[in-house]
Amino acid sequence: MSFLEEHRAVQLAVERFEKIDGVVNCIGSVLLKPAHLTTDKEWHDVLSTNLTSSFFLVRSAVKAMRQEGGSIVLISSAAAQIGLANHEAIAAAKAGIIGLTQSAAATYAVRGIRVNAVAPGLVKSEMTRKLWDNESVAGASRQMHALGRLGEPDDIARAVLWLLNAENN
């Protein structure tokens, strides 16, 4: 999605609902390759899909929320903070989302705009099927989590919904 498409999506939501209370950027990708095998195109695609889309959504959403406040939730990854082999590009992009979240939260708090990120580990989704279908990968991931299980999409959805709820301000 380009900035113009994200901006237009925010505009359409405002036109239809008169305001926006919350937005979530759950666009993402997974690239598991060491840096020396990652092409320039793959690098740019990972940054664009993950970090740039988050930045553009923040930029559009705060313009729509400046008067009444609201909530922005971005999706990062635990890989941004723990150092996993072959995660260089995706970890860099997701770490950028954490920095974006922290800075935007500081910038827009005075306007009543909450900016948060959810940073899950491995979640059982279609995008990650090749990972969790591999028992050695799934087992290693389960061992990294206190609950001893892989994340489910509903786990992330519940966290996002809680962060979007203005009553949790």
C-alpha atoms as a PDB file:
ATOM      1  CA  MET A   1       0.000   0.000   0.000  1.00  0.00           C
ATOM      2  CA  SER A   2       1.409   3.401  -0.865  1.00  0.00           C
ATOM      3  CA  PHE A   3       1.136   6.494   1.286  1.00  0.00           C
ATOM      4  CA  LEU A   4      -1.580   7.825  -0.989  1.00  0.00           C
ATOM      5  CA  GLU A   5      -3.623   4.642  -0.510  1.00  0.00           C
ATOM      6  CA  GLU A   6      -3.208   4.741   3.278  1.00  0.00           C
ATOM      7  CA  HIS A   7      -4.054   8.436   3.346  1.00  0.00           C
ATOM      8  CA  ARG A   8      -7.109   7.793   1.177  1.00  0.00           C
ATOM      9  CA  ALA A   9      -8.217   4.941   3.475  1.00  0.00           C
ATOM     10  CA  VAL A  10      -8.051   7.292   6.464  1.00  0.00           C
ATOM     11  CA  GLN A  11      -9.923   9.982   4.510  1.00  0.00           C
ATOM     12  CA  LEU A  12     -12.657   7.511   3.512  1.00  0.00           C
ATOM     13  CA  ALA A  13     -13.061   6.400   7.119  1.00  0.00           C
ATOM     14  CA  VAL A  14     -13.409  10.013   8.277  1.00  0.00           C
ATOM     15  CA  GLU A  15     -15.927  10.746   5.499  1.00  0.00           C
ATOM     16  CA  ARG A  16     -18.009   7.715   6.433  1.00  0.00           C
ATOM     17  CA  PHE A  17     -17.763   7.843  10.237  1.00  0.00           C
ATOM     18  CA  GLU A  18     -16.954  11.563  10.753  1.00  0.00           C
ATOM     19  CA  LYS A  19     -13.918  10.736  12.879  1.00  0.00           C
ATOM     20  CA  ILE A  20     -11.411   8.001  13.600  1.00  0.00           C
ATOM     21  CA  ASP A  21     -11.003   6.658  17.119  1.00  0.00           C
ATOM     22  CA  GLY A  22      -8.331   4.093  16.324  1.00  0.00           C
ATOM     23  CA  VAL A  23      -6.228   2.510  13.623  1.00  0.00           C
ATOM     24  CA  VAL A  24      -4.031  -0.572  13.446  1.00  0.00           C
ATOM     25  CA  ASN A  25      -1.235  -1.305  11.025  1.00  0.00           C
ATOM     26  CA  CYS A  26      -1.090  -5.071  10.749  1.00  0.00           C
ATOM     27  CA  ILE A  27       0.598  -5.146   7.363  1.00  0.00           C
ATOM     28  CA  GLY A  28       3.689  -7.267   7.591  1.00  0.00           C
ATOM     29  CA  SER A  29       6.038  -9.727   6.018  1.00  0.00           C
ATOM     30  CA  VAL A  30       8.629 -12.299   6.984  1.00  0.00           C
ATOM     31  CA  LEU A  31      12.055 -12.589   5.408  1.00  0.00           C
ATOM     32  CA  LEU A  32      14.394 -15.049   7.064  1.00  0.00           C
ATOM     33  CA  LYS A  33      17.794 -14.664   5.421  1.00  0.00           C
ATOM     34  CA  PRO A  34      21.209 -13.616   6.596  1.00  0.00           C
ATOM     35  CA  ALA A  35      22.258 -10.124   5.554  1.00  0.00           C
ATOM     36  CA  HIS A  36      24.838 -11.336   3.030  1.00  0.00           C
ATOM     37  CA  LEU A  37      22.139 -13.223   1.073  1.00  0.00           C
ATOM     38  CA  THR A  38      19.506 -10.481   1.220  1.00  0.00           C
ATOM     39  CA  THR A  39      19.122  -8.571  -2.042  1.00  0.00           C
ATOM     40  CA  ASP A  40      18.646  -4.820  -2.225  1.00  0.00           C
ATOM     41  CA  LYS A  41      15.092  -5.393  -3.436  1.00  0.00           C
ATOM     42  CA  GLU A  42      14.277  -7.728  -0.538  1.00  0.00           C
ATOM     43  CA  TRP A  43      15.696  -5.205   1.936  1.00  0.00           C
ATOM     44  CA  HIS A  44      13.647  -2.364   0.490  1.00  0.00           C
ATOM     45  CA  ASP A  45      10.515  -4.524   0.304  1.00  0.00           C
ATOM     46  CA  VAL A  46      10.818  -5.549   3.977  1.00  0.00           C
ATOM     47  CA  LEU A  47      11.345  -1.948   5.100  1.00  0.00           C
ATOM     48  CA  SER A  48       8.517  -0.660   2.917  1.00  0.00           C
ATOM     49  CA  THR A  49       6.028  -3.334   3.928  1.00  0.00           C
ATOM     50  CA  ASN A  50       6.731  -3.114   7.643  1.00  0.00           C
ATOM     51  CA  LEU A  51       8.293   0.191   8.695  1.00  0.00           C
ATOM     52  CA  THR A  52       7.317   2.630   5.951  1.00  0.00           C
ATOM     53  CA  SER A  53       3.669   1.530   6.011  1.00  0.00           C
ATOM     54  CA  SER A  54       3.619   2.090   9.790  1.00  0.00           C
ATOM     55  CA  PHE A  55       5.123   5.558   9.446  1.00  0.00           C
ATOM     56  CA  PHE A  56       2.657   6.563   6.735  1.00  0.00           C
ATOM     57  CA  LEU A  57      -0.304   5.294   8.751  1.00  0.00           C
ATOM     58  CA  VAL A  58       0.840   7.264  11.807  1.00  0.00           C
ATOM     59  CA  ARG A  59       1.252  10.364   9.658  1.00  0.00           C
ATOM     60  CA  SER A  60      -2.243  10.056   8.175  1.00  0.00           C
ATOM     61  CA  ALA A  61      -3.989   8.989  11.357  1.00  0.00           C
ATOM     62  CA  VAL A  62      -2.675  11.775  13.581  1.00  0.00           C
ATOM     63  CA  LYS A  63      -3.954  14.339  11.105  1.00  0.00           C
ATOM     64  CA  ALA A  64      -7.420  12.833  11.491  1.00  0.00           C
ATOM     65  CA  MET A  65      -7.145  12.442  15.293  1.00  0.00           C
ATOM     66  CA  ARG A  66      -5.552  15.779  16.238  1.00  0.00           C
ATOM     67  CA  GLN A  67      -8.760  17.334  17.524  1.00  0.00           C
ATOM     68  CA  GLU A  68     -10.328  14.475  19.483  1.00  0.00           C
ATOM     69  CA  GLY A  69      -7.476  12.051  20.123  1.00  0.00           C
ATOM     70  CA  GLY A  70      -7.486   8.344  19.511  1.00  0.00           C
ATOM     71  CA  SER A  71      -5.332   5.255  19.462  1.00  0.00           C
ATOM     72  CA  ILE A  72      -2.778   3.917  17.004  1.00  0.00           C
ATOM     73  CA  VAL A  73      -1.483   0.363  17.310  1.00  0.00           C
ATOM     74  CA  LEU A  74       1.457  -0.912  15.293  1.00  0.00           C
ATOM     75  CA  ILE A  75       2.680  -4.494  15.025  1.00  0.00           C
ATOM     76  CA  SER A  76       6.349  -5.126  15.718  1.00  0.00           C
ATOM     77  CA  SER A  77       8.039  -8.414  16.629  1.00  0.00           C
ATOM     78  CA  ALA A  78       9.942  -9.954  19.497  1.00  0.00           C
ATOM     79  CA  ALA A  79      12.655 -10.606  16.882  1.00  0.00           C
ATOM     80  CA  ALA A  80      13.431  -6.875  17.014  1.00  0.00           C
ATOM     81  CA  GLN A  81      14.787  -7.218  20.529  1.00  0.00           C
ATOM     82  CA  ILE A  82      16.221 -10.692  21.041  1.00  0.00           C
ATOM     83  CA  GLY A  83      18.655 -11.324  18.188  1.00  0.00           C
ATOM     84  CA  LEU A  84      17.609 -14.316  16.118  1.00  0.00           C
ATOM     85  CA  ALA A  85      19.793 -15.775  13.374  1.00  0.00           C
ATOM     86  CA  ASN A  86      18.727 -14.935   9.806  1.00  0.00           C
ATOM     87  CA  HIS A  87      16.328 -12.194  10.932  1.00  0.00           C
ATOM     88  CA  GLU A  88      18.468  -9.170  10.031  1.00  0.00           C
ATOM     89  CA  ALA A  89      16.089  -7.367   7.654  1.00  0.00           C
ATOM     90  CA  ILE A  90      12.844  -8.116   9.465  1.00  0.00           C
ATOM     91  CA  ALA A  91      14.397  -7.429  12.882  1.00  0.00           C
ATOM     92  CA  ALA A  92      15.672  -4.054  11.648  1.00  0.00           C
ATOM     93  CA  ALA A  93      12.258  -3.099  10.249  1.00  0.00           C
ATOM     94  CA  LYS A  94      10.396  -4.236  13.363  1.00  0.00           C
ATOM     95  CA  ALA A  95      12.920  -2.455  15.638  1.00  0.00           C
ATOM     96  CA  GLY A  96      12.215   0.671  13.610  1.00  0.00           C
ATOM     97  CA  ILE A  97       8.528   0.249  14.442  1.00  0.00           C
ATOM     98  CA  ILE A  98       9.408   0.192  18.147  1.00  0.00           C
ATOM     99  CA  GLY A  99      11.366   3.431  17.785  1.00  0.00           C
ATOM    100  CA  LEU A 100       8.564   4.983  15.735  1.00  0.00           C
ATOM    101  CA  THR A 101       6.036   3.953  18.377  1.00  0.00           C
ATOM    102  CA  GLN A 102       8.029   5.431  21.248  1.00  0.00           C
ATOM    103  CA  SER A 103       8.683   8.721  19.479  1.00  0.00           C
ATOM    104  CA  ALA A 104       5.140   9.109  18.167  1.00  0.00           C
ATOM    105  CA  ALA A 105       3.744   8.311  21.624  1.00  0.00           C
ATOM    106  CA  ALA A 106       5.875  11.089  23.099  1.00  0.00           C
ATOM    107  CA  THR A 107       4.971  13.526  20.328  1.00  0.00           C
ATOM    108  CA  TYR A 108       1.211  13.010  20.247  1.00  0.00           C
ATOM    109  CA  ALA A 109       0.342  12.248  23.888  1.00  0.00           C
ATOM    110  CA  VAL A 110      -0.411  15.935  24.458  1.00  0.00           C
ATOM    111  CA  ARG A 111      -3.115  15.653  21.795  1.00  0.00           C
ATOM    112  CA  GLY A 112      -4.697  12.625  23.450  1.00  0.00           C
ATOM    113  CA  ILE A 113      -3.370  10.226  20.832  1.00  0.00           C
ATOM    114  CA  ARG A 114      -2.064   6.978  22.282  1.00  0.00           C
ATOM    115  CA  VAL A 115       0.525   5.127  20.191  1.00  0.00           C
ATOM    116  CA  ASN A 116       1.417   1.568  21.148  1.00  0.00           C
ATOM    117  CA  ALA A 117       2.975  -1.501  19.574  1.00  0.00           C
ATOM    118  CA  VAL A 118       2.394  -5.199  20.035  1.00  0.00           C
ATOM    119  CA  ALA A 119       5.556  -7.269  19.559  1.00  0.00           C
ATOM    120  CA  PRO A 120       4.667 -10.959  19.498  1.00  0.00           C
ATOM    121  CA  GLY A 121       6.901 -13.933  18.996  1.00  0.00           C
ATOM    122  CA  LEU A 122       5.974 -16.631  16.507  1.00  0.00           C
ATOM    123  CA  VAL A 123       2.236 -16.566  15.809  1.00  0.00           C
ATOM    124  CA  LYS A 124       0.429 -19.374  14.015  1.00  0.00           C
ATOM    125  CA  SER A 125      -0.730 -17.630  10.850  1.00  0.00           C
ATOM    126  CA  GLU A 126      -0.724 -18.528   7.183  1.00  0.00           C
ATOM    127  CA  MET A 127       2.252 -16.206   6.647  1.00  0.00           C
ATOM    128  CA  THR A 128       4.325 -18.153   9.199  1.00  0.00           C
ATOM    129  CA  ARG A 129       3.040 -21.648   8.386  1.00  0.00           C
ATOM    130  CA  LYS A 130       6.426 -22.848   7.084  1.00  0.00           C
ATOM    131  CA  LEU A 131       7.939 -21.971  10.449  1.00  0.00           C
ATOM    132  CA  TRP A 132       5.401 -23.491  12.814  1.00  0.00           C
ATOM    133  CA  ASP A 133       4.906 -26.538  10.577  1.00  0.00           C
ATOM    134  CA  ASN A 134       8.587 -27.315  11.216  1.00  0.00           C
ATOM    135  CA  GLU A 135       8.598 -29.035  14.623  1.00  0.00           C
ATOM    136  CA  SER A 136      12.186 -28.068  15.452  1.00  0.00           C
ATOM    137  CA  VAL A 137      11.422 -24.385  14.814  1.00  0.00           C
ATOM    138  CA  ALA A 138       8.080 -24.564  16.632  1.00  0.00           C
ATOM    139  CA  GLY A 139       9.689 -26.380  19.578  1.00  0.00           C
ATOM    140  CA  ALA A 140      12.487 -23.824  19.868  1.00  0.00           C
ATOM    141  CA  SER A 141       9.912 -21.026  19.775  1.00  0.00           C
ATOM    142  CA  ARG A 142       7.743 -22.686  22.426  1.00  0.00           C
ATOM    143  CA  GLN A 143      10.804 -22.927  24.705  1.00  0.00           C
ATOM    144  CA  MET A 144      11.335 -19.165  24.386  1.00  0.00           C
ATOM    145  CA  HIS A 145       7.843 -18.399  25.724  1.00  0.00           C
ATOM    146  CA  ALA A 146       6.794 -18.543  29.364  1.00  0.00           C
ATOM    147  CA  LEU A 147       3.430 -20.028  28.344  1.00  0.00           C
ATOM    148  CA  GLY A 148       5.203 -22.806  26.436  1.00  0.00           C
ATOM    149  CA  ARG A 149       3.072 -22.391  23.327  1.00  0.00           C
ATOM    150  CA  LEU A 150       3.012 -20.514  20.061  1.00  0.00           C
ATOM    151  CA  GLY A 151       0.929 -17.385  19.744  1.00  0.00           C
ATOM    152  CA  GLU A 152      -2.496 -17.542  18.159  1.00  0.00           C
ATOM    153  CA  PRO A 153      -4.002 -14.736  16.058  1.00  0.00           C
ATOM    154  CA  ASP A 154      -6.678 -14.218  18.733  1.00  0.00           C
ATOM    155  CA  ASP A 155      -3.950 -13.503  21.306  1.00  0.00           C
ATOM    156  CA  ILE A 156      -2.729 -10.591  19.223  1.00  0.00           C
ATOM    157  CA  ALA A 157      -6.252  -9.421  18.376  1.00  0.00           C
ATOM    158  CA  ARG A 158      -7.199  -9.247  22.066  1.00  0.00           C
ATOM    159  CA  ALA A 159      -4.092  -7.207  22.882  1.00  0.00           C
ATOM    160  CA  VAL A 160      -4.796  -4.830  19.997  1.00  0.00           C
ATOM    161  CA  LEU A 161      -8.436  -4.410  21.001  1.00  0.00           C
ATOM    162  CA  TRP A 162      -7.417  -3.630  24.570  1.00  0.00           C
ATOM    163  CA  LEU A 163      -4.965  -0.969  23.356  1.00  0.00           C
ATOM    164  CA  LEU A 164      -7.558   0.566  21.045  1.00  0.00           C
ATOM    165  CA  ASN A 165     -10.148   0.881  23.822  1.00  0.00           C
ATOM    166  CA  ALA A 166     -10.259   4.489  25.052  1.00  0.00           C
ATOM    167  CA  GLU A 167     -11.386   3.273  28.478  1.00  0.00           C
ATOM    168  CA  ASN A 168      -7.934   1.742  28.947  1.00  0.00           C
ATOM    169  CA  ASN A 169      -6.347   5.183  28.655  1.00  0.00           C
END
